[in-house]
């Protein structure tokens, strides 16, 4: 595989509550993975989805485009939030500790090591077939952790 587009999503029933995550490779979605956690948040599941996708696909693809309906994930990379967090010793712009640092650190490391990962935002629940697919997989994963 030379380059790929991967859609990711996270879901939560209650926030916090049981959560699910999923990723799938476009355009078919035939290759995908999902999972869940008993007690988590929607933001954490969004991050876990991307982290797991990059762990699997990072060694296979020369370039990866991550498509997500999470502005939290997409803006972190497209607006370089992570650079400010690192400069400030893992504090956000309000000088508070960065939430979900335990997931952000390995995710940022994977993105930096790979060197050819881009992020694109897509509006959720708006008829994008691949976004709908990963949303369905993430929601279904919640049932396996209840």
Protein backbone atom coordinates (compact mmCIF):
# COMPACT_ATOMS: atom_id res chain seq x y z
CA UNK A 1 0.00 0.00 0.00
CA UNK A 2 1.50 3.32 -1.04
CA UNK A 3 -0.81 5.93 0.43
CA UNK A 4 -4.20 5.70 2.08
CA UNK A 5 -7.15 7.64 3.39
CA UNK A 6 -8.41 6.44 6.75
CA UNK A 7 -11.61 7.60 8.44
CA UNK A 8 -11.71 7.58 12.24
CA UNK A 9 -14.41 8.15 14.83
CA UNK A 10 -15.11 7.89 18.53
CA UNK A 11 -18.41 7.60 20.36
CA UNK A 12 -19.55 7.62 23.95
CA UNK A 13 -22.79 6.70 25.70
CA UNK A 14 -22.76 9.35 28.39
CA UNK A 15 -19.68 11.51 28.72
CA UNK A 16 -17.99 9.93 30.59
CA UNK A 17 -19.43 6.48 30.05
CA UNK A 18 -18.89 3.42 27.89
CA UNK A 19 -17.20 4.36 24.64
CA UNK A 20 -16.21 2.99 21.26
CA UNK A 21 -13.73 3.86 18.54
CA UNK A 22 -13.25 2.79 14.93
CA UNK A 23 -11.18 3.33 11.82
CA UNK A 24 -11.70 2.21 8.22
CA UNK A 25 -9.75 2.64 5.00
CA UNK A 26 -11.53 4.47 2.18
CA UNK A 27 -13.06 4.06 -0.25
CA UNK A 28 -14.54 0.63 0.57
CA UNK A 29 -14.20 0.42 4.34
CA UNK A 30 -13.53 -3.30 3.98
CA UNK A 31 -10.40 -3.00 6.12
CA UNK A 32 -11.36 -1.65 9.52
CA UNK A 33 -10.92 -2.07 13.24
CA UNK A 34 -12.92 -1.06 16.29
CA UNK A 35 -12.95 -1.43 20.04
CA UNK A 36 -14.16 0.16 23.21
CA UNK A 37 -13.65 0.97 26.86
CA UNK A 38 -16.05 0.68 29.79
CA UNK A 39 -15.43 4.15 31.22
CA UNK A 40 -14.11 6.90 28.98
CA UNK A 41 -15.00 10.11 27.13
CA UNK A 42 -15.84 10.93 23.55
CA UNK A 43 -12.60 12.89 23.13
CA UNK A 44 -10.52 9.95 24.34
CA UNK A 45 -12.25 7.62 21.90
CA UNK A 46 -11.55 10.02 19.01
CA UNK A 47 -7.86 9.95 19.93
CA UNK A 48 -7.75 6.16 20.39
CA UNK A 49 -9.25 5.68 16.92
CA UNK A 50 -6.51 7.73 15.26
CA UNK A 51 -3.78 6.23 17.42
CA UNK A 52 -4.80 2.68 16.56
CA UNK A 53 -5.15 3.46 12.85
CA UNK A 54 -1.65 4.95 12.71
CA UNK A 55 -0.16 2.09 14.69
CA UNK A 56 -1.51 -0.37 12.13
CA UNK A 57 -1.09 1.65 8.94
CA UNK A 58 2.03 3.68 9.72
CA UNK A 59 4.48 1.07 8.50
CA UNK A 60 2.44 0.20 5.43
CA UNK A 61 1.72 3.57 3.85
CA UNK A 62 4.02 6.25 2.52
CA UNK A 63 1.34 8.89 3.13
CA UNK A 64 -1.75 8.76 5.30
CA UNK A 65 -4.69 11.16 5.28
CA UNK A 66 -6.74 10.92 8.46
CA UNK A 67 -10.34 12.08 8.01
CA UNK A 68 -12.21 12.83 11.22
CA UNK A 69 -15.31 14.65 12.39
CA UNK A 70 -13.38 15.66 15.52
CA UNK A 71 -12.18 19.24 15.41
CA UNK A 72 -10.27 18.42 18.60
CA UNK A 73 -8.07 15.98 16.65
CA UNK A 74 -7.88 17.82 13.33
CA UNK A 75 -7.14 21.28 14.76
CA UNK A 76 -4.43 19.89 17.04
CA UNK A 77 -2.41 19.02 13.96
CA UNK A 78 -3.62 21.51 11.35
CA UNK A 79 -3.27 24.46 13.74
CA UNK A 80 -0.19 23.02 15.51
CA UNK A 81 -1.71 23.09 19.00
CA UNK A 82 0.70 20.33 19.99
CA UNK A 83 3.72 22.56 19.36
CA UNK A 84 2.44 25.12 21.87
CA UNK A 85 1.65 22.38 24.39
CA UNK A 86 5.20 21.09 24.18
CA UNK A 87 6.74 24.58 24.38
CA UNK A 88 4.67 25.27 27.51
CA UNK A 89 5.53 21.97 29.20
CA UNK A 90 2.24 20.28 28.28
CA UNK A 91 0.07 23.19 29.34
CA UNK A 92 -2.73 24.47 27.13
CA UNK A 93 -3.22 28.11 26.15
CA UNK A 94 -4.97 28.70 29.50
CA UNK A 95 -1.87 27.32 31.27
CA UNK A 96 -3.79 24.24 32.43
CA UNK A 97 -2.50 20.68 32.00
CA UNK A 98 -3.36 19.29 28.55
CA UNK A 99 -6.25 16.85 28.80
CA UNK A 100 -5.60 13.33 27.53
CA UNK A 101 -1.84 13.82 27.47
CA UNK A 102 -1.37 10.06 27.86
CA UNK A 103 -2.92 9.64 24.38
CA UNK A 104 -1.67 12.82 22.75
CA UNK A 105 2.00 12.06 23.44
CA UNK A 106 2.15 8.72 21.59
CA UNK A 107 -0.11 10.04 18.82
CA UNK A 108 2.06 13.11 18.22
CA UNK A 109 5.15 10.91 18.29
CA UNK A 110 3.68 8.59 15.63
CA UNK A 111 2.69 11.52 13.41
CA UNK A 112 6.14 13.08 13.72
CA UNK A 113 7.98 9.80 13.12
CA UNK A 114 5.93 8.93 10.05
CA UNK A 115 6.34 12.41 8.59
CA UNK A 116 3.58 12.12 5.97
CA UNK A 117 0.32 12.22 7.92
CA UNK A 118 -2.29 14.86 7.10
CA UNK A 119 -5.63 15.57 8.72
CA UNK A 120 -8.94 16.59 7.16
CA UNK A 121 -12.14 17.48 8.97
CA UNK A 122 -15.51 16.21 7.76
CA UNK A 123 -18.85 17.21 9.22
CA UNK A 124 -20.27 14.31 11.21
CA UNK A 125 -23.73 12.87 10.59
CA UNK A 126 -23.92 14.69 7.29
CA UNK A 127 -24.21 11.86 4.77
CA UNK A 128 -20.53 11.04 4.19
CA UNK A 129 -20.67 7.24 3.72
CA UNK A 130 -17.26 6.55 5.26
CA UNK A 131 -17.91 8.80 8.23
CA UNK A 132 -21.25 7.07 8.73
CA UNK A 133 -19.49 3.69 8.56
CA UNK A 134 -16.92 4.47 11.26
CA UNK A 135 -19.58 6.13 13.41
CA UNK A 136 -21.67 2.95 13.19
CA UNK A 137 -18.68 0.77 14.05
CA UNK A 138 -17.76 2.97 17.04
CA UNK A 139 -21.33 2.97 18.35
CA UNK A 140 -21.57 -0.81 17.90
CA UNK A 141 -18.31 -1.27 19.82
CA UNK A 142 -19.92 0.33 22.87
CA UNK A 143 -22.28 -2.64 23.15
CA UNK A 144 -19.32 -5.00 23.55
CA UNK A 145 -17.99 -3.16 26.63
CA UNK A 146 -21.23 -2.57 28.54
